Structure formats: structure tokens, C-alpha cells
Amino acid sequence: MAIRKKGLYIDFWIRSLDSALCNTLVEMGYSAIVVEKTEPDACRDIVVFEKKVIEAFSRKELLSKLKGVSRGKYIVSVKPRSVESARVAARDSRVDSIILDGDSARFIDKHQFNLMKQFHKPLEFSLNNWFRTSLNSRVSMYRVLYLYIHRYGLPLITSSGASVWNEAVHPKSAINFLSQLINVPPEVSIQYISVYPRDILVRKGFEVVR
């Protein structure tokens, strides 16, 4: 199944998918989702891609975990837990996005931004990560987001990070929230859940238009 080009919304990270969450996402108008864990036949009314989320504390650990991942099957997103793992994630072509959370924010600096720009490696921002985390972590994440968007002008990928149906985020809510949070117009924030994630899927060779 391929995705319709018009009216395209993509949730780039569903942590765990069951039929209840699938039905909610379909009702919200998503065309496709990228899923870390799923029940067999949980979702037939939406395009589902598979995702591997890798947490790495060192260069060696990240490279070891990447070795066993099929490039043509999975979207690969990395949670860097050190400067060196963040640098490797930015350079390695097997990595599709770098996840921003309260821990990884410490390792995303000016040099990291430049590497991500050079190697076309987008930052991924999970809304449920934001909603659940501490105030201090939000401050750190916000600083990274603001610089990433306003100083470096790089493409942001936004996902819900949902595990159950009531953690799903309506596309319009996501667009409005991001627009207010990082001070961008809605016509920009809509691209974070449509154009930019679609570009990654196309680059991976997945069929995304019908």
C-alpha cells in the first residue's frame, strides 16, 4: 500500500501499536505511521512502516547495534547518550533521524548542528517526550529546538511517540502546538508531520505516493 500525496500526515514514531491506537490514528486523518512495535494485523487501514530506535552510549555500541539492522526494511532513529554517539549518528548513512529528548539535548551543540546539516540528518521531536519530561529537560530541549529551527534552518521531524490510543496527537493539534512553541507559522509546522517525514521515506526507497 502506498500513501496518497495530498492530505498527507505521518506519525513518525509510534512506540507500540494495537488496534485501538490504529483506529484513533485513522480517525485523526493520518495517512501513514512509523511503528517500533506492533501486534500482528493490528492496523490494515493505514500505511505502516517499521522503525528501529537505538539508544547508544558510545561509538562502538552504536556501530554494533546498527550492524544488525536491515537498511531497506526499517526507519532507524538514534537516541545519543554521549557526544561521540551523537557525532556517529549524524555521519552514518544508516541513521534516518536523531531523537531529541532531555538526555540527548546535552550532546546536540553547534558542531552537531553542522554535521546534521552536512549529512542531511534531521532532528526528531516526540511530543509525548515533551509532555512527560521535567521542566529542566524542557528548557534544554527548547534551546536545541530554537537554534535548530531559527539559526540553522534545518528540517524538523515531529512524532507523537504514542503507545496507547489516548497518547495520539491530532495533526491539527500538533501543527498549532509546534507553531506556538517554536514561533513558526502553521504553514511551516505542518511540514514537520508531512513533507519532511515523507522525504525520508522517499529517500529510503519506500513507496509513498499513489
N, C-alpha and C. Protein backbone atom coordinates (compact mmCIF):
# COMPACT_ATOMS: atom_id res chain seq x y z
N MET A 1 0.85 -1.20 0.00
CA MET A 1 0.00 0.00 0.00
C MET A 1 0.89 1.25 0.00
N ALA A 2 0.52 2.23 -0.79
CA ALA A 2 1.27 3.47 -0.85
C ALA A 2 0.45 4.60 -0.27
N ILE A 3 1.11 5.70 0.01
CA ILE A 3 0.46 6.85 0.63
C ILE A 3 -0.02 7.83 -0.42
N ARG A 4 -1.19 8.39 -0.23
CA ARG A 4 -1.66 9.47 -1.09
C ARG A 4 -0.80 10.71 -0.86
N LYS A 5 -0.48 11.39 -1.94
CA LYS A 5 0.38 12.56 -1.84
C LYS A 5 -0.34 13.73 -1.16
N LYS A 6 -1.64 13.93 -1.49
CA LYS A 6 -2.37 15.05 -0.92
C LYS A 6 -2.95 14.66 0.44
N GLY A 7 -3.05 15.63 1.35
CA GLY A 7 -3.60 15.38 2.66
C GLY A 7 -2.76 14.41 3.48
N LEU A 8 -1.45 14.47 3.27
CA LEU A 8 -0.56 13.50 3.88
C LEU A 8 -0.12 13.94 5.28
N TYR A 9 -0.44 13.11 6.27
CA TYR A 9 0.10 13.29 7.62
C TYR A 9 0.77 11.99 8.03
N ILE A 10 1.95 12.10 8.59
CA ILE A 10 2.71 10.93 9.02
C ILE A 10 3.09 11.08 10.48
N ASP A 11 2.78 10.06 11.28
CA ASP A 11 3.30 10.00 12.65
C ASP A 11 4.56 9.15 12.59
N PHE A 12 5.70 9.77 12.80
CA PHE A 12 7.00 9.14 12.55
C PHE A 12 7.49 8.23 13.67
N TRP A 13 6.76 8.20 14.79
CA TRP A 13 7.16 7.27 15.86
C TRP A 13 5.95 6.89 16.71
N ILE A 14 5.47 5.69 16.45
CA ILE A 14 4.51 5.04 17.34
C ILE A 14 5.30 3.97 18.08
N ARG A 15 5.36 4.08 19.40
CA ARG A 15 6.18 3.14 20.16
C ARG A 15 5.60 1.73 20.13
N SER A 16 4.29 1.63 20.30
CA SER A 16 3.63 0.33 20.34
C SER A 16 2.23 0.49 19.76
N LEU A 17 1.90 -0.36 18.81
CA LEU A 17 0.64 -0.21 18.08
C LEU A 17 -0.31 -1.38 18.34
N ASP A 18 -1.54 -1.05 18.72
CA ASP A 18 -2.61 -2.05 18.77
C ASP A 18 -3.79 -1.52 17.97
N SER A 19 -4.86 -2.28 17.91
CA SER A 19 -5.99 -1.89 17.06
C SER A 19 -6.67 -0.61 17.53
N ALA A 20 -6.72 -0.39 18.85
CA ALA A 20 -7.35 0.82 19.38
C ALA A 20 -6.59 2.07 18.96
N LEU A 21 -5.27 2.02 19.06
CA LEU A 21 -4.45 3.16 18.64
C LEU A 21 -4.53 3.34 17.13
N CYS A 22 -4.51 2.24 16.40
CA CYS A 22 -4.64 2.33 14.95
C CYS A 22 -5.93 3.04 14.55
N ASN A 23 -7.04 2.63 15.14
CA ASN A 23 -8.33 3.24 14.81
C ASN A 23 -8.34 4.73 15.12
N THR A 24 -7.71 5.11 16.23
CA THR A 24 -7.63 6.52 16.61
C THR A 24 -6.84 7.31 15.58
N LEU A 25 -5.71 6.78 15.14
CA LEU A 25 -4.87 7.46 14.16
C LEU A 25 -5.57 7.60 12.82
N VAL A 26 -6.31 6.58 12.42
CA VAL A 26 -7.08 6.64 11.18
C VAL A 26 -8.15 7.72 11.27
N GLU A 27 -8.86 7.76 12.39
CA GLU A 27 -9.91 8.78 12.58
C GLU A 27 -9.33 10.19 12.59
N MET A 28 -8.10 10.32 13.07
CA MET A 28 -7.45 11.64 13.11
C MET A 28 -6.97 12.09 11.74
N GLY A 29 -6.91 11.18 10.79
CA GLY A 29 -6.54 11.57 9.44
C GLY A 29 -5.12 11.28 9.02
N TYR A 30 -4.40 10.46 9.78
CA TYR A 30 -3.04 10.10 9.38
C TYR A 30 -3.07 9.17 8.17
N SER A 31 -2.13 9.37 7.26
CA SER A 31 -2.01 8.52 6.08
C SER A 31 -1.03 7.39 6.30
N ALA A 32 -0.05 7.62 7.19
CA ALA A 32 0.98 6.61 7.43
C ALA A 32 1.54 6.78 8.83
N ILE A 33 2.10 5.70 9.34
CA ILE A 33 2.75 5.72 10.66
C ILE A 33 4.03 4.90 10.59
N VAL A 34 4.96 5.25 11.45
CA VAL A 34 6.23 4.52 11.55
C VAL A 34 6.27 3.92 12.95
N VAL A 35 6.31 2.60 13.02
CA VAL A 35 5.99 1.88 14.25
C VAL A 35 7.18 1.08 14.76
N GLU A 36 7.43 1.22 16.07
CA GLU A 36 8.52 0.47 16.70
C GLU A 36 8.08 -0.96 17.03
N LYS A 37 6.90 -1.11 17.63
CA LYS A 37 6.38 -2.44 17.97
C LYS A 37 4.91 -2.50 17.57
N THR A 38 4.49 -3.63 17.04
CA THR A 38 3.10 -3.76 16.62
C THR A 38 2.58 -5.17 16.82
N GLU A 39 1.30 -5.27 17.11
CA GLU A 39 0.64 -6.57 17.16
C GLU A 39 0.36 -7.04 15.74
N PRO A 40 0.37 -8.36 15.50
CA PRO A 40 0.06 -8.86 14.15
C PRO A 40 -1.32 -8.39 13.68
N ASP A 41 -1.34 -7.85 12.47
CA ASP A 41 -2.60 -7.39 11.86
C ASP A 41 -3.33 -6.34 12.69
N ALA A 42 -2.57 -5.54 13.44
CA ALA A 42 -3.20 -4.52 14.29
C ALA A 42 -3.78 -3.38 13.47
N CYS A 43 -3.25 -3.18 12.27
CA CYS A 43 -3.63 -1.99 11.52
C CYS A 43 -3.61 -2.27 10.02
N ARG A 44 -4.79 -2.28 9.41
CA ARG A 44 -4.88 -2.52 7.97
C ARG A 44 -5.42 -1.31 7.21
N ASP A 45 -5.82 -0.28 7.91
CA ASP A 45 -6.44 0.88 7.27
C ASP A 45 -5.51 2.07 7.15
N ILE A 46 -4.23 1.84 7.34
CA ILE A 46 -3.24 2.91 7.29
C ILE A 46 -1.92 2.28 6.87
N VAL A 47 -1.08 3.04 6.21
CA VAL A 47 0.22 2.52 5.77
C VAL A 47 1.16 2.47 6.97
N VAL A 48 1.77 1.31 7.19
CA VAL A 48 2.64 1.12 8.35
C VAL A 48 4.06 0.82 7.89
N PHE A 49 5.01 1.60 8.38
CA PHE A 49 6.43 1.33 8.18
C PHE A 49 7.04 0.94 9.52
N GLU A 50 8.13 0.19 9.45
CA GLU A 50 8.76 -0.29 10.68
C GLU A 50 9.93 0.60 11.09
N LYS A 51 10.12 0.71 12.39
CA LYS A 51 11.13 1.61 12.94
C LYS A 51 11.99 0.88 13.97
N LYS A 52 13.27 1.16 13.94
CA LYS A 52 14.19 0.72 14.99
C LYS A 52 14.69 1.95 15.73
N VAL A 53 14.54 1.94 17.05
CA VAL A 53 15.05 3.03 17.88
C VAL A 53 16.26 2.49 18.64
N ILE A 54 17.39 3.14 18.45
CA ILE A 54 18.64 2.68 19.04
C ILE A 54 19.14 3.70 20.05
N GLU A 55 19.35 3.25 21.27
CA GLU A 55 19.96 4.08 22.30
C GLU A 55 21.42 3.67 22.41
N ALA A 56 22.34 4.63 22.33
CA ALA A 56 23.77 4.29 22.32
C ALA A 56 24.57 5.26 23.18
N PHE A 57 25.44 4.69 24.00
CA PHE A 57 26.27 5.48 24.90
C PHE A 57 27.69 5.68 24.36
N SER A 58 28.03 4.99 23.28
CA SER A 58 29.37 5.11 22.72
C SER A 58 29.34 4.85 21.22
N ARG A 59 30.42 5.22 20.55
CA ARG A 59 30.56 4.94 19.12
C ARG A 59 30.49 3.44 18.86
N LYS A 60 31.21 2.68 19.67
CA LYS A 60 31.27 1.23 19.48
C LYS A 60 29.88 0.60 19.63
N GLU A 61 29.14 1.03 20.64
CA GLU A 61 27.81 0.48 20.86
C GLU A 61 26.87 0.79 19.70
N LEU A 62 26.92 2.02 19.21
CA LEU A 62 26.04 2.41 18.11
C LEU A 62 26.36 1.61 16.85
N LEU A 63 27.64 1.51 16.51
CA LEU A 63 28.02 0.77 15.31
C LEU A 63 27.64 -0.70 15.42
N SER A 64 27.78 -1.25 16.62
CA SER A 64 27.41 -2.65 16.83
C SER A 64 25.91 -2.87 16.63
N LYS A 65 25.11 -1.96 17.15
CA LYS A 65 23.66 -2.10 17.02
C LYS A 65 23.18 -1.84 15.60
N LEU A 66 23.86 -0.95 14.89
CA LEU A 66 23.49 -0.67 13.50
C LEU A 66 23.80 -1.84 12.58
N LYS A 67 24.79 -2.63 12.95
CA LYS A 67 25.25 -3.72 12.09
C LYS A 67 24.14 -4.73 11.80
N GLY A 68 23.26 -4.95 12.75
CA GLY A 68 22.23 -5.95 12.55
C GLY A 68 20.91 -5.44 12.01
N VAL A 69 20.87 -4.19 11.59
CA VAL A 69 19.61 -3.59 11.12
C VAL A 69 19.55 -3.56 9.60
N SER A 70 18.46 -4.04 9.05
CA SER A 70 18.27 -4.04 7.60
C SER A 70 17.94 -2.63 7.12
N ARG A 71 18.78 -2.08 6.27
CA ARG A 71 18.60 -0.70 5.81
C ARG A 71 17.33 -0.54 4.98
N GLY A 72 16.99 -1.58 4.23
CA GLY A 72 15.84 -1.47 3.35
C GLY A 72 14.51 -1.75 4.01
N LYS A 73 14.54 -2.16 5.27
CA LYS A 73 13.30 -2.55 5.95
C LYS A 73 12.86 -1.55 6.99
N TYR A 74 13.81 -0.91 7.67
CA TYR A 74 13.49 -0.09 8.84
C TYR A 74 13.86 1.38 8.67
N ILE A 75 13.07 2.24 9.28
CA ILE A 75 13.49 3.59 9.60
C ILE A 75 14.31 3.48 10.88
N VAL A 76 15.49 4.08 10.89
CA VAL A 76 16.39 3.96 12.04
C VAL A 76 16.54 5.32 12.71
N SER A 77 16.18 5.38 13.98
CA SER A 77 16.30 6.61 14.77
C SER A 77 17.17 6.34 15.98
N VAL A 78 18.03 7.29 16.29
CA VAL A 78 19.02 7.11 17.36
C VAL A 78 18.79 8.09 18.50
N LYS A 79 18.88 7.56 19.72
CA LYS A 79 18.93 8.38 20.93
C LYS A 79 20.38 8.41 21.39
N PRO A 80 21.13 9.46 21.07
CA PRO A 80 22.53 9.51 21.50
C PRO A 80 22.64 9.81 22.99
N ARG A 81 23.54 9.08 23.65
CA ARG A 81 23.75 9.26 25.08
C ARG A 81 25.18 9.68 25.40
N SER A 82 25.86 10.18 24.37
CA SER A 82 27.20 10.73 24.54
C SER A 82 27.50 11.59 23.32
N VAL A 83 28.53 12.42 23.42
CA VAL A 83 28.92 13.25 22.28
C VAL A 83 29.34 12.37 21.12
N GLU A 84 30.14 11.34 21.40
CA GLU A 84 30.66 10.52 20.30
C GLU A 84 29.55 9.75 19.59
N SER A 85 28.56 9.26 20.33
CA SER A 85 27.46 8.56 19.65
C SER A 85 26.60 9.53 18.84
N ALA A 86 26.48 10.77 19.31
CA ALA A 86 25.75 11.78 18.54
C ALA A 86 26.47 12.10 17.23
N ARG A 87 27.80 12.20 17.30
CA ARG A 87 28.58 12.51 16.09
C ARG A 87 28.48 11.38 15.06
N VAL A 88 28.58 10.14 15.55
CA VAL A 88 28.48 8.99 14.64
C VAL A 88 27.10 8.92 14.02
N ALA A 89 26.06 9.16 14.82
CA ALA A 89 24.69 9.13 14.30
C ALA A 89 24.50 10.16 13.19
N ALA A 90 25.13 11.31 13.34
CA ALA A 90 25.00 12.35 12.32
C ALA A 90 25.67 11.94 11.01
N ARG A 91 26.77 11.22 11.10
CA ARG A 91 27.55 10.87 9.91
C ARG A 91 27.08 9.59 9.22
N ASP A 92 26.55 8.65 9.98
CA ASP A 92 26.27 7.32 9.45
C ASP A 92 25.01 7.33 8.57
N SER A 93 25.15 6.86 7.35
CA SER A 93 24.04 6.90 6.39
C SER A 93 22.91 5.94 6.75
N ARG A 94 23.16 5.01 7.67
CA ARG A 94 22.10 4.07 8.07
C ARG A 94 21.11 4.70 9.04
N VAL A 95 21.47 5.84 9.60
CA VAL A 95 20.62 6.54 10.56
C VAL A 95 19.73 7.54 9.83
N ASP A 96 18.44 7.51 10.12
CA ASP A 96 17.49 8.40 9.44
C ASP A 96 17.12 9.63 10.24
N SER A 97 17.18 9.55 11.56
CA SER A 97 16.87 10.72 12.40
C SER A 97 17.54 10.58 13.75
N ILE A 98 17.72 11.72 14.40
CA ILE A 98 18.30 11.76 15.74
C ILE A 98 17.24 12.30 16.69
N ILE A 99 16.91 11.51 17.69
CA ILE A 99 15.81 11.85 18.59
C ILE A 99 16.26 12.83 19.67
N LEU A 100 15.50 13.90 19.80
CA LEU A 100 15.74 14.89 20.85
C LEU A 100 14.91 14.55 22.07
N ASP A 101 15.58 14.38 23.20
CA ASP A 101 14.88 14.25 24.49
C ASP A 101 15.72 14.94 25.55
N GLY A 102 15.32 14.82 26.81
CA GLY A 102 16.02 15.53 27.86
C GLY A 102 17.46 15.11 28.03
N ASP A 103 17.78 13.87 27.68
CA ASP A 103 19.16 13.38 27.79
C ASP A 103 19.99 13.75 26.57
N SER A 104 19.46 13.55 25.39
CA SER A 104 20.25 13.81 24.18
C SER A 104 20.49 15.30 23.95
N ALA A 105 19.66 16.15 24.52
CA ALA A 105 19.82 17.60 24.34
C ALA A 105 21.20 18.08 24.76
N ARG A 106 21.79 17.42 25.74
CA ARG A 106 23.12 17.81 26.24
C ARG A 106 24.21 17.64 25.20
N PHE A 107 23.97 16.76 24.23
CA PHE A 107 25.02 16.41 23.27
C PHE A 107 24.79 17.01 21.89
N ILE A 108 23.75 17.83 21.77
CA ILE A 108 23.45 18.45 20.48
C ILE A 108 23.85 19.92 20.54
N ASP A 109 25.02 20.20 19.98
CA ASP A 109 25.61 21.53 20.06
C ASP A 109 25.87 22.07 18.65
N LYS A 110 26.62 23.16 18.58
CA LYS A 110 26.89 23.81 17.29
C LYS A 110 27.54 22.84 16.31
N HIS A 111 28.53 22.10 16.78
CA HIS A 111 29.21 21.15 15.90
C HIS A 111 28.25 20.07 15.41
N GLN A 112 27.38 19.62 16.31
CA GLN A 112 26.39 18.61 15.93
C GLN A 112 25.42 19.16 14.88
N PHE A 113 24.98 20.39 15.05
CA PHE A 113 24.10 21.01 14.05
C PHE A 113 24.77 21.02 12.68
N ASN A 114 26.04 21.41 12.65
CA ASN A 114 26.75 21.49 11.38
C ASN A 114 26.89 20.13 10.71
N LEU A 115 27.14 19.10 11.52
CA LEU A 115 27.22 17.74 10.97
C LEU A 115 25.86 17.29 10.44
N MET A 116 24.82 17.58 11.18
CA MET A 116 23.48 17.18 10.75
C MET A 116 23.09 17.89 9.45
N LYS A 117 23.51 19.13 9.32
CA LYS A 117 23.26 19.85 8.07
C LYS A 117 24.06 19.25 6.93
N GLN A 118 25.32 18.96 7.18
CA GLN A 118 26.20 18.40 6.14
C GLN A 118 25.72 17.05 5.64
N PHE A 119 25.25 16.20 6.57
CA PHE A 119 24.87 14.84 6.21
C PHE A 119 23.35 14.64 6.11
N HIS A 120 22.62 15.76 6.08
CA HIS A 120 21.16 15.72 5.88
C HIS A 120 20.49 14.80 6.90
N LYS A 121 20.80 15.02 8.16
CA LYS A 121 20.28 14.18 9.24
C LYS A 121 19.34 15.00 10.11
N PRO A 122 18.04 14.79 10.00
CA PRO A 122 17.09 15.62 10.74
C PRO A 122 16.97 15.27 12.21
N LEU A 123 16.56 16.24 12.97
CA LEU A 123 16.23 16.06 14.38
C LEU A 123 14.78 15.60 14.48
N GLU A 124 14.53 14.66 15.38
CA GLU A 124 13.16 14.17 15.61
C GLU A 124 12.70 14.57 17.01
N PHE A 125 11.53 15.18 17.05
CA PHE A 125 10.98 15.71 18.30
C PHE A 125 9.68 14.98 18.62
N SER A 126 9.66 14.22 19.71
CA SER A 126 8.47 13.47 20.12
C SER A 126 7.64 14.30 21.08
N LEU A 127 6.38 14.49 20.74
CA LEU A 127 5.51 15.31 21.58
C LEU A 127 5.27 14.68 22.95
N ASN A 128 5.12 13.36 23.01
CA ASN A 128 4.92 12.73 24.31
C ASN A 128 6.17 12.77 25.17
N ASN A 129 7.35 12.77 24.55
CA ASN A 129 8.58 13.00 25.32
C ASN A 129 8.50 14.36 26.01
N TRP A 130 8.06 15.35 25.26
CA TRP A 130 7.96 16.72 25.78
C TRP A 130 6.94 16.80 26.91
N PHE A 131 5.78 16.22 26.70
CA PHE A 131 4.71 16.31 27.70
C PHE A 131 5.07 15.61 29.01
N ARG A 132 5.87 14.56 28.93
CA ARG A 132 6.18 13.75 30.11
C ARG A 132 7.40 14.22 30.89
N THR A 133 8.24 15.01 30.29
CA THR A 133 9.55 15.28 30.88
C THR A 133 9.51 16.43 31.88
N SER A 134 10.61 16.62 32.59
CA SER A 134 10.70 17.66 33.62
C SER A 134 10.87 19.05 33.00
N LEU A 135 10.66 20.06 33.82
CA LEU A 135 10.83 21.44 33.36
C LEU A 135 12.26 21.69 32.90
N ASN A 136 13.24 21.20 33.66
CA ASN A 136 14.64 21.39 33.28
C ASN A 136 14.94 20.76 31.92
N SER A 137 14.40 19.58 31.70
CA SER A 137 14.61 18.92 30.41
C SER A 137 13.93 19.69 29.28
N ARG A 138 12.76 20.24 29.56
CA ARG A 138 12.07 21.04 28.54
C ARG A 138 12.89 22.27 28.16
N VAL A 139 13.49 22.90 29.14
CA VAL A 139 14.32 24.07 28.87
C VAL A 139 15.48 23.69 27.94
N SER A 140 16.14 22.57 28.24
CA SER A 140 17.26 22.11 27.41
C SER A 140 16.79 21.77 26.00
N MET A 141 15.67 21.09 25.91
CA MET A 141 15.14 20.72 24.60
C MET A 141 14.72 21.95 23.80
N TYR A 142 14.13 22.91 24.48
CA TYR A 142 13.68 24.12 23.79
C TYR A 142 14.86 24.89 23.19
N ARG A 143 15.94 24.98 23.95
CA ARG A 143 17.13 25.68 23.43
C ARG A 143 17.63 25.03 22.15
N VAL A 144 17.66 23.71 22.16
CA VAL A 144 18.10 22.98 20.96
C VAL A 144 17.14 23.24 19.80
N LEU A 145 15.85 23.11 20.06
CA LEU A 145 14.85 23.32 19.02
C LEU A 145 14.94 24.72 18.42
N TYR A 146 15.06 25.71 19.27
CA TYR A 146 15.06 27.09 18.79
C TYR A 146 16.26 27.35 17.89
N LEU A 147 17.44 26.91 18.32
CA LEU A 147 18.64 27.09 17.49
C LEU A 147 18.53 26.30 16.20
N TYR A 148 18.06 25.09 16.29
CA TYR A 148 17.95 24.20 15.14
C TYR A 148 17.05 24.82 14.07
N ILE A 149 15.93 25.38 14.50
CA ILE A 149 14.96 25.94 13.56
C ILE A 149 15.34 27.34 13.11
N HIS A 150 15.68 28.21 14.05
CA HIS A 150 15.80 29.63 13.72
C HIS A 150 17.22 30.06 13.33
N ARG A 151 18.22 29.41 13.84
CA ARG A 151 19.58 29.79 13.46
C ARG A 151 20.10 28.95 12.30
N TYR A 152 19.77 27.66 12.32
CA TYR A 152 20.32 26.76 11.30
C TYR A 152 19.31 26.43 10.20
N GLY A 153 18.03 26.66 10.44
CA GLY A 153 17.01 26.46 9.43
C GLY A 153 16.91 25.04 8.91
N LEU A 154 17.06 24.06 9.81
CA LEU A 154 17.07 22.66 9.41
C LEU A 154 15.68 22.03 9.55
N PRO A 155 15.41 20.96 8.79
CA PRO A 155 14.08 20.33 8.83
C PRO A 155 13.86 19.52 10.10
N LEU A 156 12.73 19.74 10.73
CA LEU A 156 12.37 19.03 11.95
C LEU A 156 11.34 17.95 11.63
N ILE A 157 11.52 16.78 12.24
CA ILE A 157 10.53 15.71 12.15
C ILE A 157 9.80 15.65 13.49
N THR A 158 8.49 15.66 13.45
CA THR A 158 7.72 15.58 14.69
C THR A 158 6.92 14.28 14.72
N SER A 159 6.92 13.64 15.89
CA SER A 159 6.19 12.39 16.08
C SER A 159 5.45 12.46 17.40
N SER A 160 4.50 11.55 17.59
CA SER A 160 3.78 11.54 18.86
C SER A 160 4.51 10.73 19.92
N GLY A 161 5.17 9.62 19.51
CA GLY A 161 5.75 8.71 20.48
C GLY A 161 4.69 7.98 21.28
N ALA A 162 3.52 7.80 20.69
CA ALA A 162 2.39 7.20 21.40
C ALA A 162 2.54 5.69 21.57
N SER A 163 2.02 5.20 22.70
CA SER A 163 1.96 3.76 22.96
C SER A 163 0.52 3.27 23.12
N VAL A 164 -0.38 4.17 23.48
CA VAL A 164 -1.80 3.84 23.66
C VAL A 164 -2.64 4.91 22.96
N TRP A 165 -3.92 4.61 22.77
CA TRP A 165 -4.77 5.47 21.95
C TRP A 165 -4.86 6.90 22.46
N ASN A 166 -4.87 7.09 23.79
CA ASN A 166 -5.04 8.45 24.31
C ASN A 166 -3.74 9.26 24.33
N GLU A 167 -2.66 8.70 23.80
CA GLU A 167 -1.42 9.46 23.61
C GLU A 167 -1.27 9.95 22.18
N ALA A 168 -2.16 9.53 21.30
CA ALA A 168 -2.12 10.00 19.92
C ALA A 168 -2.40 11.51 19.88
N VAL A 169 -1.76 12.19 18.95
CA VAL A 169 -1.91 13.65 18.83
C VAL A 169 -2.52 13.97 17.47
N HIS A 170 -3.63 14.69 17.48
CA HIS A 170 -4.28 15.07 16.23
C HIS A 170 -3.34 15.95 15.41
N PRO A 171 -3.28 15.75 14.08
CA PRO A 171 -2.39 16.57 13.26
C PRO A 171 -2.56 18.07 13.46
N LYS A 172 -3.81 18.54 13.53
CA LYS A 172 -4.02 19.98 13.71
C LYS A 172 -3.52 20.46 15.06
N SER A 173 -3.67 19.63 16.09
CA SER A 173 -3.15 19.98 17.42
C SER A 173 -1.63 20.05 17.39
N ALA A 174 -1.00 19.10 16.70
CA ALA A 174 0.46 19.10 16.59
C ALA A 174 0.94 20.34 15.85
N ILE A 175 0.28 20.68 14.77
CA ILE A 175 0.67 21.85 13.97
C ILE A 175 0.56 23.13 14.80
N ASN A 176 -0.55 23.31 15.50
CA ASN A 176 -0.75 24.51 16.30
C ASN A 176 0.20 24.58 17.48
N PHE A 177 0.41 23.44 18.14
CA PHE A 177 1.32 23.41 19.29
C PHE A 177 2.73 23.78 18.88
N LEU A 178 3.22 23.19 17.81
CA LEU A 178 4.58 23.47 17.35
C LEU A 178 4.72 24.91 16.88
N SER A 179 3.69 25.41 16.23
CA SER A 179 3.71 26.79 15.76
C SER A 179 3.89 27.76 16.92
N GLN A 180 3.19 27.51 18.02
CA GLN A 180 3.29 28.38 19.19
C GLN A 180 4.58 28.13 19.98
N LEU A 181 4.98 26.87 20.09
CA LEU A 181 6.15 26.53 20.90
C LEU A 181 7.43 27.14 20.35
N ILE A 182 7.64 26.99 19.05
CA ILE A 182 8.91 27.44 18.49
C ILE A 182 8.76 28.64 17.55
N ASN A 183 7.58 29.28 17.61
CA ASN A 183 7.37 30.54 16.92
C ASN A 183 7.61 30.44 15.41
N VAL A 184 6.88 29.52 14.79
CA VAL A 184 6.90 29.41 13.34
C VAL A 184 5.45 29.42 12.85
N PRO A 185 5.20 29.87 11.62
CA PRO A 185 3.83 29.88 11.12
C PRO A 185 3.33 28.46 10.86
N PRO A 186 2.01 28.24 10.91
CA PRO A 186 1.46 26.90 10.69
C PRO A 186 1.86 26.28 9.36
N GLU A 187 2.05 27.11 8.33
CA GLU A 187 2.45 26.54 7.04
C GLU A 187 3.87 25.97 7.08
N VAL A 188 4.63 26.34 8.10
CA VAL A 188 5.94 25.72 8.32
C VAL A 188 5.80 24.48 9.20
N SER A 189 5.10 24.61 10.32
CA SER A 189 4.99 23.48 11.25
C SER A 189 4.25 22.28 10.65
N ILE A 190 3.37 22.52 9.68
CA ILE A 190 2.69 21.39 9.03
C ILE A 190 3.68 20.49 8.30
N GLN A 191 4.79 21.07 7.85
CA GLN A 191 5.79 20.28 7.13
C GLN A 191 6.49 19.28 8.04
N TYR A 192 6.48 19.54 9.35
CA TYR A 192 7.15 18.64 10.30
C TYR A 192 6.44 17.30 10.42
N ILE A 193 5.16 17.25 10.05
CA ILE A 193 4.43 15.98 10.11
C ILE A 193 3.96 15.53 8.73
N SER A 194 4.50 16.15 7.70
CA SER A 194 4.08 15.78 6.34
C SER A 194 5.27 15.73 5.38
N VAL A 195 5.72 16.87 4.92
CA VAL A 195 6.75 16.93 3.88
C VAL A 195 8.06 16.29 4.33
N TYR A 196 8.54 16.67 5.50
CA TYR A 196 9.86 16.20 5.93
C TYR A 196 9.90 14.70 6.23
N PRO A 197 8.93 14.14 6.96
CA PRO A 197 8.96 12.69 7.13
C PRO A 197 8.76 11.93 5.82
N ARG A 198 7.93 12.48 4.94
CA ARG A 198 7.75 11.84 3.63
C ARG A 198 9.07 11.82 2.86
N ASP A 199 9.83 12.89 2.93
CA ASP A 199 11.12 12.94 2.23
C ASP A 199 12.05 11.81 2.68
N ILE A 200 12.03 11.52 3.98
CA ILE A 200 12.88 10.44 4.49
C ILE A 200 12.42 9.10 3.92
N LEU A 201 11.12 8.86 3.91
CA LEU A 201 10.60 7.61 3.37
C LEU A 201 10.94 7.45 1.89
N VAL A 202 10.84 8.53 1.14
CA VAL A 202 11.20 8.50 -0.28
C VAL A 202 12.68 8.20 -0.44
N ARG A 203 13.50 8.86 0.35
CA ARG A 203 14.95 8.65 0.28
C ARG A 203 15.33 7.21 0.60
N LYS A 204 14.55 6.57 1.47
CA LYS A 204 14.80 5.17 1.82
C LYS A 204 14.33 4.21 0.73
N GLY A 205 13.60 4.72 -0.24
CA GLY A 205 13.12 3.88 -1.32
C GLY A 205 11.75 3.29 -1.08
N PHE A 206 11.05 3.76 -0.03
CA PHE A 206 9.71 3.27 0.23
C PHE A 206 8.71 3.94 -0.71
N GLU A 207 7.69 3.21 -1.09
CA GLU A 207 6.66 3.75 -1.98
C GLU A 207 5.68 4.56 -1.14
N VAL A 208 5.62 5.86 -1.40
CA VAL A 208 4.81 6.72 -0.53
C VAL A 208 3.78 7.55 -1.28
N VAL A 209 3.62 7.36 -2.57
CA VAL A 209 2.64 8.14 -3.33
C VAL A 209 1.81 7.19 -4.19
N ARG A 210 0.52 7.44 -4.22
CA ARG A 210 -0.32 6.68 -5.14
C ARG A 210 -1.32 7.62 -5.81
